[in-house]
Protein backbone atom coordinates (compact mmCIF):
# COMPACT_ATOMS: atom_id res chain seq x y z
CA MET A 1 61.49 86.55 139.89
CA ARG A 2 64.84 86.67 141.56
CA ARG A 3 63.40 89.30 144.02
CA GLU A 4 60.55 87.03 144.79
CA LEU A 5 63.09 84.22 145.58
CA ALA A 6 65.11 86.48 147.63
CA PHE A 7 61.95 87.38 149.57
CA GLY A 8 60.89 83.82 149.93
CA ALA A 9 64.24 82.58 151.25
CA ALA A 10 64.10 85.51 154.09
CA GLY A 11 60.54 84.41 154.83
CA LEU A 12 61.54 80.79 155.21
CA ARG A 13 64.46 81.86 157.63
CA ARG A 14 62.23 84.53 159.42
CA ARG A 15 59.62 81.49 160.25
CA PRO A 16 62.05 79.29 162.30
CA ALA A 17 63.41 82.34 164.17
CA VAL A 18 59.88 83.35 165.28
CA GLN A 19 59.15 79.83 166.17
CA LEU A 20 62.44 79.37 168.09
CA ALA A 21 61.64 82.70 170.15
CA ALA A 22 58.16 81.69 170.93
CA TRP A 23 59.28 78.14 172.39
CA SER A 24 61.77 80.02 174.56
CA ILE A 25 59.08 81.73 176.47
CA PRO A 26 58.10 78.52 178.40
CA GLU A 27 61.64 78.16 179.65
CA ILE A 28 61.32 81.67 181.40
CA LEU A 29 58.84 80.03 184.02
CA PRO A 30 61.13 77.74 185.83
CA THR A 31 63.96 80.13 185.77
CA ALA A 32 61.68 82.93 187.72
CA ALA A 33 60.10 80.15 189.74
CA TYR A 34 63.00 78.22 191.43
CA GLY A 35 64.32 81.02 193.62
CA VAL A 36 60.81 81.88 194.79
CA ALA A 37 59.89 78.08 195.41
CA VAL A 38 63.23 77.66 197.26
CA ALA A 39 62.30 80.50 199.32
CA ARG A 40 58.59 79.67 200.21
CA ALA A 41 59.38 75.89 200.54
CA THR A 42 62.34 76.75 203.05
CA ASP A 43 60.28 78.98 205.04
CA ALA A 44 57.43 76.42 204.89
CA PHE A 45 59.76 73.71 206.44
CA LEU A 46 61.03 76.09 209.09
CA ALA A 47 57.46 76.73 210.22
CA GLY A 48 56.70 73.16 210.44
CA ARG A 49 54.37 73.05 207.30
CA SER A 50 56.09 70.30 205.27
CA VAL A 51 53.10 69.62 203.20
CA ALA A 52 53.27 73.42 201.91
CA GLY A 53 57.08 73.11 201.52
CA LEU A 54 56.67 69.88 199.25
CA ALA A 55 53.87 71.50 197.36
CA TRP A 56 56.17 74.53 196.51
CA LEU A 57 59.10 72.01 195.25
CA GLY A 58 56.40 70.07 193.27
CA GLY A 59 55.23 73.21 191.61
CA LEU A 60 59.16 73.87 190.71
CA VAL A 61 59.37 70.39 189.06
CA ALA A 62 56.03 70.89 187.10
CA ALA A 63 57.48 74.37 186.08
CA ALA A 64 60.72 72.61 184.83
CA ALA A 65 58.80 69.96 182.94
CA LEU A 66 57.12 72.84 181.08
CA GLY A 67 60.43 74.29 180.32
CA ALA A 68 61.87 71.12 178.87
CA VAL A 69 59.07 70.90 176.50
CA GLY A 70 60.08 74.38 175.17
CA ALA A 71 63.64 73.58 175.03
CA ARG A 72 62.98 70.37 172.84
CA GLN A 73 61.17 72.24 170.37
CA VAL A 74 63.86 74.88 170.39
CA TYR A 75 66.45 72.22 169.17
CA ARG A 76 64.18 71.22 166.60
CA ARG A 77 64.05 74.58 165.23
CA LEU A 78 67.64 75.47 165.38
CA GLY A 79 68.57 73.34 162.24
CA ASP A 80 66.34 75.18 160.21
CA LEU A 81 68.37 78.30 160.93
CA VAL A 82 71.75 76.91 160.87
CA GLU A 83 71.89 74.73 157.86
CA PRO A 84 70.78 77.16 155.11
CA PHE A 85 73.44 79.77 156.71
CA ARG A 86 75.98 77.20 156.21
CA ASP A 87 75.11 76.60 152.61
CA GLU A 88 75.40 80.16 151.86
CA LEU A 89 78.97 80.32 153.22
CA VAL A 90 79.95 77.32 151.32
CA SER A 91 78.70 78.65 148.14
CA ARG A 92 80.21 82.26 148.96
CA VAL A 93 83.69 80.38 149.56
CA VAL A 94 83.52 78.09 146.60
CA GLY A 95 82.30 81.09 144.05
CA ASP A 96 85.07 83.14 145.36
CA ALA A 97 87.81 80.69 144.94
CA LEU A 98 86.53 79.88 141.35
CA ARG A 99 86.36 83.37 140.46
CA ARG A 100 89.74 84.15 141.57
CA GLY A 101 90.99 80.90 139.69
CA VAL A 102 89.68 81.86 136.34
CA THR A 103 91.01 85.11 136.70
CA GLY A 104 94.41 83.89 137.53
CA GLU A 105 94.51 85.23 141.19
CA ARG A 106 95.91 83.43 144.10
CA THR A 107 93.48 81.33 146.08
CA ASP A 108 95.72 81.03 149.40
CA GLY A 109 93.47 80.26 152.30
CA ALA A 110 90.45 79.01 150.51
CA LEU A 111 90.89 75.47 151.61
CA SER A 112 91.19 76.65 155.13
CA ARG A 113 88.15 78.73 154.64
CA LEU A 114 86.03 75.77 153.38
CA ASN A 115 86.98 73.00 155.69
CA ARG A 116 87.53 74.62 158.96
CA GLN A 117 86.53 78.20 159.19
CA VAL A 118 82.99 77.49 157.60
CA GLU A 119 82.50 74.79 160.14
CA ILE A 120 83.56 77.18 163.14
CA VAL A 121 81.13 79.73 161.88
CA ARG A 122 78.17 77.30 161.37
CA ASP A 123 79.01 75.50 164.99
CA THR A 124 79.50 78.80 166.53
CA TYR A 125 76.60 80.38 165.06
CA ALA A 126 74.43 77.52 166.48
CA GLY A 127 76.01 78.00 169.65
CA MET A 128 75.51 81.75 169.70
CA ILE A 129 71.91 81.33 169.10
CA LEU A 130 71.59 79.01 172.16
CA VAL A 131 73.76 80.97 174.39
CA LEU A 132 72.34 84.32 173.83
CA ARG A 133 68.68 82.93 174.12
CA THR A 134 69.63 81.22 177.36
CA PHE A 135 71.21 84.34 178.70
CA VAL A 136 68.10 86.59 177.85
CA ILE A 137 65.72 83.87 179.29
CA THR A 138 67.83 83.65 182.61
CA VAL A 139 68.16 87.42 183.34
CA THR A 140 64.53 87.95 182.56
CA GLY A 141 63.68 85.09 184.93
CA VAL A 142 65.99 85.96 187.61
CA ALA A 143 64.83 89.77 187.49
CA THR A 144 61.22 88.83 187.63
CA GLY A 145 61.85 86.26 190.41
CA LEU A 146 64.01 88.72 192.48
CA LEU A 147 61.45 91.48 192.31
CA SER A 148 58.65 89.32 193.24
CA LEU A 149 60.84 87.76 196.10
CA ALA A 150 62.34 91.01 197.66
CA PRO A 151 63.19 94.04 195.52
CA ILE A 152 66.11 95.04 197.91
CA ILE A 153 67.92 91.88 197.04
CA ALA A 154 67.53 92.57 193.38
CA LEU A 155 68.79 96.12 193.98
CA LEU A 156 71.75 94.48 195.61
CA VAL A 157 72.44 91.83 193.25
CA VAL A 158 71.57 93.25 189.71
CA PRO A 159 73.91 96.33 189.52
CA PRO A 160 77.48 94.40 190.11
CA PHE A 161 76.03 91.61 187.75
CA LEU A 162 75.45 94.06 184.84
CA LEU A 163 78.67 96.12 185.76
CA GLY A 164 80.86 92.75 185.30
CA PHE A 165 78.79 92.07 182.03
CA ALA A 166 79.60 95.42 180.62
CA ALA A 167 83.27 95.23 181.55
CA SER A 168 83.58 91.88 179.65
CA LEU A 169 81.73 93.75 176.49
CA GLY A 170 84.54 96.36 176.87
CA ILE A 171 87.51 93.99 176.21
CA LEU A 172 86.01 92.60 173.03
CA GLY A 173 87.88 95.03 170.70
CA LEU A 174 91.16 93.87 171.98
CA ALA A 175 90.12 90.28 172.21
CA ALA A 176 88.93 90.63 168.24
CA GLN A 177 92.39 91.85 167.27
CA ARG A 178 93.97 89.00 168.95
CA VAL A 179 91.58 86.54 167.27
CA GLN A 180 92.14 88.26 163.95
CA ALA A 181 95.90 87.62 163.95
CA SER A 182 95.22 83.94 165.18
CA LEU A 183 93.29 83.21 162.15
CA THR A 184 95.74 85.04 159.96
CA ALA A 185 98.40 82.76 161.26
CA ASP A 186 96.17 79.80 160.93
CA GLU A 187 95.84 80.31 157.17
CA GLN A 188 99.57 80.90 156.50
CA LEU A 189 100.24 77.74 158.55
CA THR A 190 97.56 75.78 156.39
CA THR A 191 99.11 76.99 153.23
CA SER A 192 102.83 76.34 154.16
CA ALA A 193 101.94 72.87 155.30
CA ALA A 194 99.92 72.05 152.06
CA THR A 195 102.85 73.29 150.07
CA ALA A 196 105.17 71.23 151.98
CA PHE A 197 103.27 68.07 152.08
CA ALA A 198 102.45 68.30 148.16
CA GLY A 199 106.15 68.27 147.53
CA ILE A 200 107.21 65.74 150.24
CA ARG A 201 108.96 63.50 147.45
CA ASP A 202 110.81 66.11 145.76
CA VAL A 203 111.80 67.43 149.55
CA THR A 204 113.17 64.24 150.10
CA ALA A 205 114.82 63.66 146.79
CA ALA A 206 116.60 66.61 146.97
CA GLY A 207 117.66 66.71 150.68
CA ALA A 208 115.78 69.91 151.44
CA GLU A 209 114.19 68.94 154.98
CA ASP A 210 115.91 71.49 156.66
CA PHE A 211 114.60 74.29 154.38
CA VAL A 212 111.03 72.95 154.44
CA ALA A 213 111.46 72.83 158.35
CA THR A 214 112.19 76.46 158.25
CA LEU A 215 109.52 77.15 155.54
CA VAL A 216 106.93 75.44 157.91
CA GLY A 217 108.63 76.33 161.19
CA GLU A 218 108.05 80.10 160.96
CA PRO A 219 104.31 80.02 160.63
CA ILE A 220 104.19 77.31 163.51
CA GLU A 221 105.79 79.95 165.86
CA ALA A 222 103.79 82.88 164.26
CA HIS A 223 100.61 80.83 165.23
CA ALA A 224 101.95 79.98 168.64
CA ALA A 225 102.62 83.52 169.58
CA ALA A 226 99.43 84.47 168.46
CA GLU A 227 97.49 81.96 170.60
CA ARG A 228 99.61 82.93 173.58
CA ALA A 229 98.36 86.62 173.01
CA LEU A 230 94.98 85.31 172.68
CA ALA A 231 95.20 83.33 175.93
CA LYS A 232 96.06 86.73 178.00
CA VAL A 233 92.74 87.90 177.24
CA ALA A 234 91.32 85.08 179.45
CA ALA A 235 92.84 86.59 182.29
CA LEU A 236 90.85 89.94 181.78
CA ARG A 237 87.56 87.88 181.30
CA THR A 238 88.27 86.14 184.82
CA LEU A 239 88.51 89.58 186.29
CA CYS A 240 85.19 90.61 184.49
CA PHE A 241 83.67 87.39 185.85
CA ALA A 242 84.68 87.91 189.37
CA VAL A 243 82.94 91.31 189.41
CA GLY A 244 79.69 90.26 187.84
CA GLY A 245 79.45 86.56 189.11
CA TRP A 246 81.15 86.42 192.42
CA SER A 247 80.67 90.05 193.88
CA PRO A 248 76.71 89.59 194.04
CA LEU A 249 77.21 86.60 196.02
CA LEU A 250 79.59 88.07 198.46
CA ILE A 251 77.48 91.29 198.84
CA LEU A 252 74.37 89.04 199.48
CA LEU A 253 76.27 87.11 202.27
CA ALA A 254 77.79 90.20 203.79
CA THR A 255 74.51 91.93 204.04
CA GLY A 256 72.66 88.81 204.95
CA PRO A 257 72.34 89.85 208.80
CA TRP A 258 71.28 93.22 207.99
CA LEU A 259 68.59 91.95 205.57
CA ILE A 260 67.24 89.48 208.12
CA GLY A 261 67.17 92.60 210.53
CA ARG A 262 64.92 94.36 208.19
CA GLY A 263 62.27 91.58 208.09
CA VAL A 264 63.86 89.37 205.21
CA SER A 265 63.28 85.77 205.81
CA THR A 266 65.75 82.95 205.92
CA GLY A 267 63.98 81.41 203.04
CA THR A 268 63.92 84.76 201.21
CA LEU A 269 67.61 85.12 201.45
CA LEU A 270 68.30 81.59 200.64
CA GLY A 271 66.14 82.02 197.39
CA GLY A 272 68.24 85.20 196.41
CA LEU A 273 71.41 82.96 196.68
CA THR A 274 69.74 80.34 194.73
CA TYR A 275 69.16 83.04 191.84
CA VAL A 276 72.80 83.91 191.85
CA LEU A 277 74.61 80.45 192.37
CA LEU A 278 72.25 78.69 189.76
CA GLY A 279 71.08 81.51 187.58
CA LEU A 280 73.21 84.89 187.13
CA GLN A 281 76.69 83.06 187.49
CA PRO A 282 76.35 80.26 185.04
CA ALA A 283 74.80 82.62 182.55
CA LEU A 284 77.46 85.17 182.80
CA SER A 285 79.99 82.60 182.60
CA THR A 286 78.54 81.09 179.48
CA VAL A 287 77.88 84.30 177.77
CA MET A 288 81.49 85.75 178.38
CA SER A 289 82.87 82.67 177.14
CA ALA A 290 80.70 82.71 173.97
CA LEU A 291 81.36 86.43 173.17
CA GLY A 292 84.97 86.57 174.22
CA ASP A 293 86.05 83.32 172.57
CA SER A 294 83.49 81.53 170.32
CA GLY A 295 81.75 84.78 169.27
CA LEU A 296 84.88 86.70 168.47
CA ARG A 297 85.92 83.70 166.31
CA TYR A 298 82.67 83.72 164.67
CA VAL A 299 82.55 87.53 164.00
CA VAL A 300 86.26 87.58 162.57
CA THR A 301 85.86 84.42 160.56
CA LEU A 302 82.58 85.19 159.00
CA GLY A 303 84.28 88.67 158.00
CA ARG A 304 87.12 86.69 156.32
CA ILE A 305 84.82 84.61 154.51
CA LEU A 306 82.63 87.49 153.40
CA ASP A 307 85.72 89.39 152.63
CA SER A 308 85.27 88.55 148.78
CA ARG A 309 84.92 91.51 146.63
CA PRO A 310 83.58 91.16 143.12
CA PRO A 311 86.16 91.46 140.31
CA ALA A 312 87.22 95.10 140.12
CA ALA A 313 83.91 96.26 141.05
CA ASN A 314 84.75 99.74 141.50
CA ALA A 315 86.64 100.06 137.97
CA ARG A 316 83.85 98.55 136.13
CA ILE A 317 81.32 101.14 137.21
CA GLY A 318 80.27 103.29 134.05
CA ALA A 319 82.43 101.38 131.54
CA VAL A 320 80.27 100.82 128.49
CA PRO A 321 81.74 99.13 125.19
CA ARG A 322 81.64 100.86 122.06
CA GLY A 323 80.85 98.02 119.51
CA HIS A 324 82.75 94.75 119.95
CA GLU A 325 86.04 95.10 118.19
CA VAL A 326 88.72 92.96 119.87
CA SER A 327 92.32 94.63 120.26
CA LEU A 328 95.42 93.21 122.15
CA HIS A 329 98.20 95.39 122.66
CA ALA A 330 101.64 93.88 123.59
CA VAL A 331 99.81 91.29 125.65
CA SER A 332 101.89 88.73 127.56
CA PHE A 333 100.51 86.20 129.97
CA ALA A 334 102.33 83.58 132.07
CA TYR A 335 100.92 81.19 134.66
CA GLY A 336 103.09 82.67 137.58
CA ALA A 337 105.75 84.92 138.38
CA GLN A 338 108.63 82.48 137.40
CA ALA A 339 106.65 80.58 134.71
CA GLU A 340 107.80 80.90 130.88
CA PRO A 341 105.08 83.32 129.13
CA VAL A 342 102.54 81.49 127.16
CA LEU A 343 101.91 84.62 124.96
CA ARG A 344 104.61 87.37 124.76
CA ASP A 345 103.83 90.77 123.37
CA LEU A 346 101.03 89.80 121.15
CA ASP A 347 99.31 92.53 118.98
CA LEU A 348 96.14 91.57 117.60
CA VAL A 349 92.87 93.49 116.11
CA VAL A 350 89.52 91.48 115.39
CA PRO A 351 87.41 93.99 113.57
CA GLU A 352 83.64 93.89 113.76
CA GLY A 353 82.27 91.21 111.39
CA ASP A 354 85.79 89.23 111.11
CA HIS A 355 86.04 85.21 111.23
CA LEU A 356 89.33 84.40 112.87
CA ALA A 357 90.56 81.01 113.42
CA ILE A 358 93.16 80.36 115.93
CA VAL A 359 95.49 77.39 115.38
CA GLY A 360 98.77 75.84 116.85
CA PRO A 361 99.87 72.78 118.69
CA SER A 362 98.07 71.42 121.94
CA GLY A 363 99.35 73.42 124.91
CA ILE A 364 100.42 76.45 122.92
CA GLY A 365 98.08 78.92 124.47
CA LYS A 366 95.10 78.87 122.25
CA SER A 367 92.64 78.70 125.10
CA THR A 368 94.47 80.93 127.04
CA LEU A 369 94.06 83.68 124.50
CA ALA A 370 90.40 82.98 124.35
CA ALA A 371 90.03 83.48 128.19
CA LEU A 372 92.05 86.66 127.71
CA ILE A 373 89.79 88.01 124.97
CA CYS A 374 86.57 87.10 127.04
CA GLY A 375 87.79 88.77 130.10
CA LEU A 376 88.45 85.51 132.22
CA ARG A 377 91.81 86.06 132.68
CA THR A 378 94.00 89.20 133.20
CA PRO A 379 97.12 89.58 131.03
CA THR A 380 100.47 89.86 132.70
CA ARG A 381 101.44 92.75 130.75
CA GLY A 382 99.48 94.63 128.12
CA ARG A 383 95.96 95.45 127.39
CA VAL A 384 92.97 93.69 125.87
CA LEU A 385 90.16 95.68 124.97
CA VAL A 386 86.55 94.64 123.97
CA GLY A 387 84.56 97.51 122.22
CA ARG A 388 87.42 99.99 123.06
CA VAL A 389 87.17 99.24 126.79
CA ALA A 390 89.34 96.84 128.82
CA ALA A 391 87.72 93.62 129.54
CA ALA A 392 88.30 93.96 133.15
CA GLN A 393 86.41 97.20 133.42
CA LEU A 394 83.22 95.62 132.07
CA SER A 395 80.43 94.66 134.24
CA PRO A 396 79.53 90.80 134.15
CA ASP A 397 76.28 92.05 132.63
CA LEU A 398 77.86 94.26 129.96
CA LEU A 399 80.48 91.39 129.42
CA ALA A 400 77.93 88.74 128.71
CA GLN A 401 76.02 91.10 126.43
CA THR A 402 79.22 91.83 124.33
CA ARG A 403 80.61 88.31 124.09
CA VAL A 404 79.81 84.64 124.32
CA LEU A 405 82.22 81.80 125.16
CA ILE A 406 81.64 78.29 124.39
CA PRO A 407 84.39 75.96 125.94
CA GLN A 408 85.23 72.38 124.95
CA GLU A 409 83.21 70.69 127.74
CA ALA A 410 79.96 72.18 127.21
CA TYR A 411 77.68 73.06 130.01
CA VAL A 412 74.22 71.58 130.14
CA PHE A 413 71.92 71.71 133.14
CA SER A 414 68.89 69.76 134.56
CA GLY A 415 65.83 71.41 133.12
CA SER A 416 63.90 71.88 129.91
CA VAL A 417 65.53 72.03 126.56
CA VAL A 418 64.22 75.49 125.93
CA ALA A 419 65.65 76.72 129.31
CA ASN A 420 68.96 75.42 128.38
CA ILE A 421 69.09 77.09 125.10
CA ALA A 422 67.36 80.39 126.26
CA TYR A 423 69.55 80.56 129.15
CA LEU A 424 71.48 83.77 127.78
CA ALA A 425 68.36 85.18 125.94
CA PRO A 426 65.36 84.80 128.39
CA ALA A 427 63.21 87.16 126.28
CA ALA A 428 63.66 84.97 123.20
CA THR A 429 60.47 83.69 121.54
CA ASP A 430 59.99 79.95 120.79
CA ARG A 431 60.33 80.74 117.04
CA GLN A 432 63.65 82.32 117.77
CA VAL A 433 64.82 79.24 119.76
CA GLU A 434 63.69 76.89 117.04
CA GLN A 435 65.40 79.06 114.37
CA ALA A 436 68.86 78.73 116.83
CA VAL A 437 68.30 74.97 116.76
CA GLU A 438 67.89 74.55 113.19
CA ALA A 439 70.78 76.92 112.21
CA VAL A 440 73.52 74.87 114.37
CA GLY A 441 72.15 71.56 113.19
CA ALA A 442 70.52 70.61 116.59
CA ALA A 443 66.94 70.06 115.33
CA PRO A 444 67.27 66.09 115.31
CA LEU A 445 68.55 66.14 118.77
CA VAL A 446 65.62 68.37 120.17
CA GLY A 447 63.32 66.08 118.25
CA LYS A 448 64.82 62.91 119.79
CA LEU A 449 64.58 64.57 123.24
CA GLY A 450 61.19 65.04 122.87
CA GLY A 451 60.98 68.69 121.82
CA LEU A 452 61.82 72.19 123.39
CA ASP A 453 59.72 71.40 126.56
CA ALA A 454 61.32 67.91 127.10
CA THR A 455 63.51 67.64 130.23
CA ILE A 456 67.23 67.39 129.77
CA ARG A 457 69.48 64.96 131.97
CA PRO A 458 73.12 65.93 131.27
CA THR A 459 74.46 62.71 132.33
CA GLN A 460 72.16 61.00 129.48
CA LEU A 461 73.73 63.16 126.70
CA SER A 462 76.87 62.50 125.13
CA PRO A 463 79.37 65.11 124.77
CA GLY A 464 78.72 65.95 121.17
CA GLU A 465 74.98 66.27 122.24
CA ARG A 466 75.86 68.58 124.88
CA GLN A 467 77.82 70.82 122.64
CA LEU A 468 75.16 71.22 120.32
CA ILE A 469 72.89 72.28 122.89
CA ALA A 470 75.58 74.83 123.99
CA LEU A 471 75.87 75.95 120.32
CA ALA A 472 72.25 76.79 120.09
CA ARG A 473 72.43 78.64 123.34
CA ALA A 474 75.34 80.75 122.14
CA TYR A 475 73.74 81.34 118.82
CA LEU A 476 70.61 82.64 120.48
CA SER A 477 72.64 85.01 122.61
CA PRO A 478 72.64 88.77 122.13
CA ALA A 479 76.22 88.98 122.20
CA PRO A 480 77.77 89.95 118.78
CA LEU A 481 81.09 88.54 119.59
CA ALA A 482 81.03 84.56 119.72
CA VAL A 483 84.16 82.85 120.57
CA LEU A 484 84.44 78.94 120.13
CA ASP A 485 87.07 77.37 122.00
CA GLU A 486 87.13 73.96 120.23
CA ALA A 487 83.36 73.99 121.01
CA THR A 488 82.89 71.51 118.15
CA CYS A 489 85.46 69.02 118.89
CA HIS A 490 83.04 66.13 119.82
CA LEU A 491 80.97 66.65 116.49
CA ASP A 492 81.59 65.03 113.13
CA PRO A 493 83.14 67.17 110.41
CA GLU A 494 79.97 67.67 108.58
CA ALA A 495 78.05 68.78 112.00
CA GLU A 496 81.22 71.09 112.62
CA LYS A 497 80.87 72.65 109.39
CA ARG A 498 77.35 73.43 109.62
CA ALA A 499 77.71 74.84 112.96
CA GLU A 500 80.60 77.25 112.23
CA GLU A 501 78.76 78.18 109.00
CA ALA A 502 75.85 79.12 111.05
CA PHE A 503 77.90 81.43 113.53
CA ALA A 504 79.87 82.78 110.32
CA ALA A 505 76.62 83.94 108.79
CA ARG A 506 75.32 85.26 112.20
CA PRO A 507 75.62 89.02 112.71
CA GLY A 508 78.85 89.91 114.70
CA SER A 509 82.42 88.49 114.72
CA LEU A 510 83.58 84.90 115.32
CA ILE A 511 86.43 83.71 116.90
CA VAL A 512 87.27 79.85 116.63
CA VAL A 513 89.91 78.08 118.44
CA ALA A 514 90.33 75.27 115.77
CA HIS A 515 90.16 71.66 116.76
CA ARG A 516 90.56 70.73 112.93
CA ILE A 517 92.32 72.42 110.39
CA SER A 518 89.18 72.49 108.14
CA SER A 519 87.90 75.21 110.74
CA ALA A 520 90.81 77.37 109.64
CA LEU A 521 90.06 76.86 106.06
CA ARG A 522 86.38 78.31 106.54
CA ALA A 523 87.64 81.40 108.54
CA GLN A 524 88.68 84.73 106.80
CA ARG A 525 91.92 84.88 108.77
CA ILE A 526 93.85 82.50 110.64
CA LEU A 527 96.26 83.49 113.58
CA VAL A 528 98.99 80.76 113.85
CA LEU A 529 100.55 80.47 117.49
CA ASP A 530 103.98 78.94 117.58
CA GLY A 531 105.44 79.18 121.18
CA ASN A 532 105.99 82.88 121.69
CA GLN A 533 105.62 83.82 118.19
CA ALA A 534 102.54 84.41 116.14
CA ALA A 535 101.64 84.76 112.52
CA LEU A 536 98.56 86.28 111.32
CA GLY A 537 97.23 85.85 107.66
CA ARG A 538 95.11 84.08 105.13
CA HIS A 539 95.32 80.52 104.19
CA PRO A 540 97.55 80.99 100.89
CA ALA A 541 99.99 83.21 102.43
CA LEU A 542 100.45 81.14 105.62
CA LEU A 543 101.04 78.22 103.36
CA ARG A 544 104.08 79.99 102.12
CA THR A 545 105.46 81.40 105.04
CA SER A 546 104.64 79.46 107.94
CA GLU A 547 106.30 75.99 108.33
CA LEU A 548 104.03 75.06 111.33
CA TYR A 549 100.95 75.76 109.46
CA ARG A 550 102.09 73.65 106.71
CA ASP A 551 102.71 70.80 109.23
CA LEU A 552 99.18 71.42 110.65
CA LEU A 553 97.60 71.35 107.25
CA GLY A 554 99.07 68.07 106.55
CA HIS A 555 98.26 66.52 103.39
CA TRP A 556 94.99 68.35 102.71
CA GLN A 557 95.70 71.01 100.06
CA PRO A 558 92.44 72.61 98.77
CA PRO A 559 92.45 74.46 95.50
CA GLN A 560 94.03 77.82 95.99
CA PRO A 561 91.81 81.02 95.66
CA ALA A 562 92.54 83.15 92.64
CA GLU A 563 93.18 86.04 94.74
CA GLN A 564 96.11 85.77 96.85
CA ALA A 565 95.97 87.82 100.23
CA GLN A 566 99.01 89.29 101.78
CA ILE A 567 100.24 88.05 105.04
CA GLN A 568 99.94 90.40 108.12
CA PRO A 569 102.56 90.39 110.61
CA ALA A 570 101.64 89.65 114.39
CA SER A 571 104.30 90.09 117.07
């Protein structure tokens, strides 16, 4: 299916490209005809044949009208090429920023890439299509016209034109380096300015205006220097244009008497000058400007947008988990180099088949720990292993086959009920889907929606209903390790109990970030996070040893089990 969609998208992009090229052909006719028409009309007027001269000029107008029809159709097809390209770039930038964000990486420059650089690429892409199309049409038309008019003029005009064009191509490497430096400076300036504006009140209150002026002033100077260096390339482009655009005109004027002496008419010489002044010069000027300025920005900016590597792609090749045991070794995590660690030197083992509840005050790091276990974040120090392999070394497919995470805000998309539930298990049968729905207690909801084939509209579901759909999806997933990060917080206690008991009975391991203390009471073991410390054990032992756990438990004191389990320390 994905392959068919990919080829379908390529086919849709190929069709407007072919149509654009086809409608460009009519524009060659007026380009090829205007020099010939001017030459023949001039000779006719000089010979006293006014009617013939007017006829040639009338034919030129007709050819121009035909070319205008083609140009109108070209602009209609341009949007079909450009807008899908822009949408792909936006998806790439946003996707890369989200990936870096959830893994704790810096996302500097993402705002500049999305707001400014994507628009630069989109506009330049459209402009490049038009400029290159016009250049090809003009050169083809002029060459055709010169050869039909007088081959000797073509021999005098075309070589210096091509020499100037080739020279302009030769300086593109230097220009690319200058554009790269300019874009890097632009990103640094955007990041520095955004940081300064975000803290403007604190800056004013602390009297740190001079410090911030220095902070922003340095990237401003760097950007200005990069732009000055880029401007020097324009001087070289001017020289290239003098060779390719003006030297053909000077050569034609200088050899005019010689050409007339060899039988070239005045009209033919004027037609050749027309081709140079109205055809080759504007075409060369436009394409040099496009390639040397807009084109370079397009290539460099596009390269920066596409320079988004998949997470640890090289390291993940060949990494295969052996089982689904989770082990953390001296794991620490902080949300920044200067931030206080949320977790510090945590050691934890969740063997296969375990049922672990994680409890602690709000903001203590429970969801952070869940993200570390699931490979969504990378520890500042230490190692997180899933199936005896570092989570960061697992490919996305293998990671998805090993663990499934249900966050507090459940994700449900527009589509059928069965498509939502079987999203992580596309090969599941209807019977398996029904069993998952029944197991987590979502059968009444599915019946209310109209059955498995009914269409879901996420905005019409309550948070609890969305959680039930997500729980059924996770239950059906082939991943043996299920992590519920307050995934039942919008359910009533009875619905929560049924869902958690279903996951506990499901083959594999279960880790629950508890929203209610009742979730902890259903677990085999409980991990209590208390600042940078942690305690691991069963309910009776933690009641004796953990003051925080007793506070969380409140006044709910269930019957104590006969067999007391011993506490297991966790550093």
